[in-house]
């Protein structure tokens, strides 16, 4: 499924909600990004921030599987959605 920017933002927001409910993983995200809990709340409407949430999730296949299973998503959905958000376009080096 191809994602529009709007549908990618919705998926990113869903992943952010899942991440916020993960007591062990949320502090890892906050530490890795330097974001505070207030930044997370403010970033929920920022497509760039939602892209960083998907980037973080995709750092570990186990996290992708957990999030996708919990949200009823295909395992490639975060990657496809990420491509529709700012900074997510595939780079062609040719």
N, C-alpha and C. Protein backbone atom coordinates (compact mmCIF):
# COMPACT_ATOMS: atom_id res chain seq x y z
N UNK A 1 0.84 -1.18 0.00
CA UNK A 1 0.00 0.00 0.00
C UNK A 1 0.88 1.24 0.00
N UNK A 2 0.63 2.15 -0.92
CA UNK A 2 1.34 3.41 -0.92
C UNK A 2 0.69 4.36 0.07
N UNK A 3 1.48 5.14 0.74
CA UNK A 3 0.97 6.06 1.75
C UNK A 3 1.00 7.49 1.23
N UNK A 4 -0.06 8.21 1.48
CA UNK A 4 -0.05 9.65 1.27
C UNK A 4 0.60 10.25 2.51
N UNK A 5 0.93 11.51 2.43
CA UNK A 5 1.52 12.15 3.61
C UNK A 5 0.55 12.08 4.79
N UNK A 6 -0.72 12.32 4.50
CA UNK A 6 -1.73 12.30 5.58
C UNK A 6 -1.84 10.91 6.21
N UNK A 7 -1.92 9.86 5.39
CA UNK A 7 -2.04 8.51 5.95
C UNK A 7 -0.76 8.09 6.66
N UNK A 8 0.39 8.58 6.18
CA UNK A 8 1.65 8.29 6.85
C UNK A 8 1.71 8.97 8.22
N UNK A 9 1.17 10.19 8.30
CA UNK A 9 1.12 10.88 9.59
C UNK A 9 0.23 10.13 10.57
N UNK A 10 -0.89 9.61 10.09
CA UNK A 10 -1.79 8.84 10.94
C UNK A 10 -1.08 7.59 11.47
N UNK A 11 -0.36 6.90 10.58
CA UNK A 11 0.38 5.72 11.03
C UNK A 11 1.46 6.12 12.03
N UNK A 12 2.18 7.20 11.75
CA UNK A 12 3.21 7.67 12.69
C UNK A 12 2.63 8.01 14.04
N UNK A 13 1.47 8.62 14.04
CA UNK A 13 0.80 8.96 15.29
C UNK A 13 0.38 7.69 16.04
N UNK A 14 -0.07 6.68 15.31
CA UNK A 14 -0.43 5.41 15.94
C UNK A 14 0.79 4.76 16.58
N UNK A 15 1.91 4.79 15.86
CA UNK A 15 3.15 4.23 16.41
C UNK A 15 3.59 5.04 17.63
N UNK A 16 3.45 6.35 17.57
CA UNK A 16 3.81 7.19 18.72
C UNK A 16 2.96 6.82 19.93
N UNK A 17 1.67 6.60 19.73
CA UNK A 17 0.80 6.19 20.83
C UNK A 17 1.21 4.85 21.40
N UNK A 18 1.56 3.92 20.52
CA UNK A 18 2.05 2.61 20.98
C UNK A 18 3.33 2.78 21.78
N UNK A 19 4.24 3.58 21.25
CA UNK A 19 5.53 3.81 21.90
C UNK A 19 5.35 4.44 23.28
N UNK A 20 4.44 5.39 23.38
CA UNK A 20 4.19 6.07 24.66
C UNK A 20 3.66 5.11 25.72
N UNK A 21 3.00 4.05 25.29
CA UNK A 21 2.46 3.06 26.23
C UNK A 21 3.47 1.99 26.61
N UNK A 22 4.61 1.98 25.95
CA UNK A 22 5.65 0.98 26.22
C UNK A 22 6.59 1.51 27.30
N UNK A 23 6.36 1.08 28.54
CA UNK A 23 7.11 1.62 29.68
C UNK A 23 8.62 1.40 29.57
N UNK A 24 9.05 0.32 28.93
CA UNK A 24 10.48 0.05 28.82
C UNK A 24 11.10 0.73 27.61
N UNK A 25 10.33 0.92 26.55
CA UNK A 25 10.88 1.45 25.31
C UNK A 25 10.81 2.98 25.24
N UNK A 26 9.81 3.59 25.84
CA UNK A 26 9.69 5.05 25.79
C UNK A 26 10.95 5.74 26.33
N UNK A 27 11.50 5.32 27.47
CA UNK A 27 12.72 5.98 27.93
C UNK A 27 13.90 5.82 26.97
N UNK A 28 13.95 4.71 26.25
CA UNK A 28 15.01 4.51 25.25
C UNK A 28 14.84 5.54 24.13
N UNK A 29 13.59 5.73 23.69
CA UNK A 29 13.32 6.74 22.66
C UNK A 29 13.69 8.13 23.15
N UNK A 30 13.28 8.46 24.36
CA UNK A 30 13.58 9.79 24.90
C UNK A 30 15.08 10.00 25.01
N UNK A 31 15.81 8.98 25.46
CA UNK A 31 17.26 9.08 25.58
C UNK A 31 17.94 9.19 24.22
N UNK A 32 17.47 8.43 23.26
CA UNK A 32 18.09 8.42 21.94
C UNK A 32 17.85 9.73 21.19
N UNK A 33 16.70 10.34 21.40
CA UNK A 33 16.36 11.56 20.66
C UNK A 33 16.63 12.83 21.44
N UNK A 34 16.76 12.72 22.75
CA UNK A 34 16.92 13.91 23.57
C UNK A 34 15.60 14.63 23.79
N UNK A 35 14.51 14.02 23.36
CA UNK A 35 13.19 14.63 23.51
C UNK A 35 12.68 14.45 24.94
N UNK A 36 11.91 15.41 25.40
CA UNK A 36 11.23 15.30 26.69
C UNK A 36 9.81 14.79 26.42
N UNK A 37 9.11 14.46 27.48
CA UNK A 37 7.71 14.04 27.30
C UNK A 37 6.88 15.18 26.72
N UNK A 38 7.20 16.41 27.08
CA UNK A 38 6.50 17.57 26.50
C UNK A 38 6.79 17.68 25.01
N UNK A 39 8.04 17.40 24.61
CA UNK A 39 8.40 17.41 23.19
C UNK A 39 7.60 16.36 22.43
N UNK A 40 7.40 15.20 23.05
CA UNK A 40 6.64 14.13 22.41
C UNK A 40 5.21 14.58 22.18
N UNK A 41 4.61 15.20 23.18
CA UNK A 41 3.23 15.69 23.02
C UNK A 41 3.16 16.76 21.91
N UNK A 42 4.11 17.67 21.92
CA UNK A 42 4.12 18.73 20.91
C UNK A 42 4.42 18.18 19.52
N UNK A 43 5.25 17.16 19.45
CA UNK A 43 5.66 16.58 18.17
C UNK A 43 4.59 15.74 17.51
N UNK A 44 3.54 15.42 18.22
CA UNK A 44 2.49 14.57 17.68
C UNK A 44 1.84 15.17 16.44
N UNK A 45 1.95 16.47 16.25
CA UNK A 45 1.35 17.10 15.07
C UNK A 45 2.41 17.53 14.05
N UNK A 46 3.64 17.12 14.27
CA UNK A 46 4.75 17.52 13.39
C UNK A 46 5.17 16.34 12.52
N UNK A 47 5.00 16.42 11.20
CA UNK A 47 5.37 15.30 10.33
C UNK A 47 6.85 14.92 10.42
N UNK A 48 7.71 15.89 10.66
CA UNK A 48 9.14 15.59 10.79
C UNK A 48 9.38 14.76 12.05
N UNK A 49 8.74 15.13 13.15
CA UNK A 49 8.87 14.37 14.39
C UNK A 49 8.31 12.96 14.22
N UNK A 50 7.16 12.85 13.56
CA UNK A 50 6.58 11.52 13.35
C UNK A 50 7.50 10.66 12.49
N UNK A 51 8.20 11.28 11.56
CA UNK A 51 9.20 10.55 10.79
C UNK A 51 10.32 10.03 11.67
N UNK A 52 10.73 10.84 12.65
CA UNK A 52 11.79 10.39 13.56
C UNK A 52 11.30 9.24 14.44
N UNK A 53 10.01 9.23 14.77
CA UNK A 53 9.43 8.12 15.53
C UNK A 53 9.54 6.83 14.71
N UNK A 54 9.20 6.92 13.44
CA UNK A 54 9.30 5.73 12.58
C UNK A 54 10.76 5.33 12.37
N UNK A 55 11.66 6.30 12.23
CA UNK A 55 13.09 5.99 12.12
C UNK A 55 13.56 5.22 13.35
N UNK A 56 13.15 5.69 14.53
CA UNK A 56 13.54 5.03 15.77
C UNK A 56 13.00 3.60 15.80
N UNK A 57 11.73 3.45 15.48
CA UNK A 57 11.11 2.12 15.51
C UNK A 57 11.87 1.15 14.61
N UNK A 58 12.25 1.62 13.44
CA UNK A 58 12.88 0.74 12.46
C UNK A 58 14.34 0.42 12.78
N UNK A 59 14.85 0.95 13.88
CA UNK A 59 16.21 0.60 14.31
C UNK A 59 16.30 -0.84 14.79
N UNK A 60 15.18 -1.44 15.15
CA UNK A 60 15.21 -2.80 15.70
C UNK A 60 14.02 -3.58 15.14
N UNK A 61 14.33 -4.69 14.48
CA UNK A 61 13.27 -5.50 13.89
C UNK A 61 12.26 -5.97 14.93
N UNK A 62 12.73 -6.27 16.13
CA UNK A 62 11.81 -6.73 17.18
C UNK A 62 10.80 -5.65 17.53
N UNK A 63 11.23 -4.39 17.54
CA UNK A 63 10.31 -3.28 17.82
C UNK A 63 9.27 -3.17 16.71
N UNK A 64 9.72 -3.32 15.47
CA UNK A 64 8.79 -3.25 14.32
C UNK A 64 7.73 -4.34 14.47
N UNK A 65 8.17 -5.56 14.77
CA UNK A 65 7.24 -6.68 14.90
C UNK A 65 6.26 -6.42 16.04
N UNK A 66 6.75 -5.96 17.18
CA UNK A 66 5.88 -5.70 18.33
C UNK A 66 4.85 -4.62 18.00
N UNK A 67 5.30 -3.53 17.41
CA UNK A 67 4.39 -2.42 17.10
C UNK A 67 3.37 -2.84 16.05
N UNK A 68 3.84 -3.49 15.00
CA UNK A 68 2.93 -3.88 13.93
C UNK A 68 1.92 -4.92 14.40
N UNK A 69 2.36 -5.86 15.23
CA UNK A 69 1.43 -6.84 15.78
C UNK A 69 0.38 -6.15 16.65
N UNK A 70 0.82 -5.21 17.47
CA UNK A 70 -0.10 -4.51 18.37
C UNK A 70 -1.09 -3.63 17.60
N UNK A 71 -0.64 -3.07 16.49
CA UNK A 71 -1.47 -2.12 15.74
C UNK A 71 -2.16 -2.75 14.53
N UNK A 72 -1.91 -4.03 14.30
CA UNK A 72 -2.54 -4.71 13.17
C UNK A 72 -2.02 -4.24 11.82
N UNK A 73 -0.72 -3.96 11.75
CA UNK A 73 -0.11 -3.46 10.52
C UNK A 73 0.77 -4.52 9.88
N UNK A 74 0.95 -4.41 8.58
CA UNK A 74 1.94 -5.23 7.90
C UNK A 74 3.32 -4.77 8.37
N UNK A 75 4.28 -5.71 8.37
CA UNK A 75 5.60 -5.38 8.89
C UNK A 75 6.35 -4.34 8.07
N UNK A 76 5.97 -4.15 6.82
CA UNK A 76 6.64 -3.14 6.01
C UNK A 76 5.91 -1.79 6.05
N UNK A 77 4.82 -1.70 6.78
CA UNK A 77 4.05 -0.45 6.84
C UNK A 77 4.86 0.73 7.37
N UNK A 78 5.63 0.58 8.46
CA UNK A 78 6.40 1.73 8.94
C UNK A 78 7.38 2.26 7.89
N UNK A 79 8.03 1.35 7.16
CA UNK A 79 8.98 1.77 6.13
C UNK A 79 8.26 2.50 5.00
N UNK A 80 7.14 1.96 4.57
CA UNK A 80 6.39 2.60 3.49
C UNK A 80 5.86 3.97 3.92
N UNK A 81 5.36 4.05 5.14
CA UNK A 81 4.85 5.33 5.64
C UNK A 81 5.98 6.33 5.78
N UNK A 82 7.14 5.87 6.22
CA UNK A 82 8.28 6.76 6.41
C UNK A 82 8.66 7.45 5.11
N UNK A 83 8.54 6.75 4.01
CA UNK A 83 8.90 7.31 2.71
C UNK A 83 8.00 8.47 2.31
N UNK A 84 6.81 8.54 2.87
CA UNK A 84 5.87 9.61 2.53
C UNK A 84 6.01 10.84 3.42
N UNK A 85 6.85 10.74 4.46
CA UNK A 85 7.04 11.87 5.37
C UNK A 85 8.31 12.63 5.01
N UNK A 86 8.45 13.88 5.47
CA UNK A 86 9.64 14.67 5.14
C UNK A 86 10.93 13.94 5.52
N UNK A 87 11.86 13.91 4.58
CA UNK A 87 13.15 13.26 4.81
C UNK A 87 13.14 11.77 4.56
N UNK A 88 12.03 11.23 4.11
CA UNK A 88 11.93 9.78 3.95
C UNK A 88 12.05 9.28 2.53
N UNK A 89 12.23 10.17 1.57
CA UNK A 89 12.32 9.74 0.18
C UNK A 89 13.56 8.88 -0.02
N UNK A 90 13.41 7.87 -0.86
CA UNK A 90 14.56 7.02 -1.17
C UNK A 90 15.60 7.83 -1.92
N UNK A 91 16.85 7.58 -1.59
CA UNK A 91 17.95 8.28 -2.23
C UNK A 91 18.43 7.45 -3.41
N UNK A 92 18.57 8.08 -4.54
CA UNK A 92 19.11 7.41 -5.71
C UNK A 92 20.49 8.00 -5.97
N UNK A 93 21.52 7.18 -5.81
CA UNK A 93 22.89 7.68 -5.89
C UNK A 93 23.46 7.63 -7.31
N UNK A 94 22.65 7.28 -8.29
CA UNK A 94 23.19 7.20 -9.66
C UNK A 94 23.10 8.51 -10.39
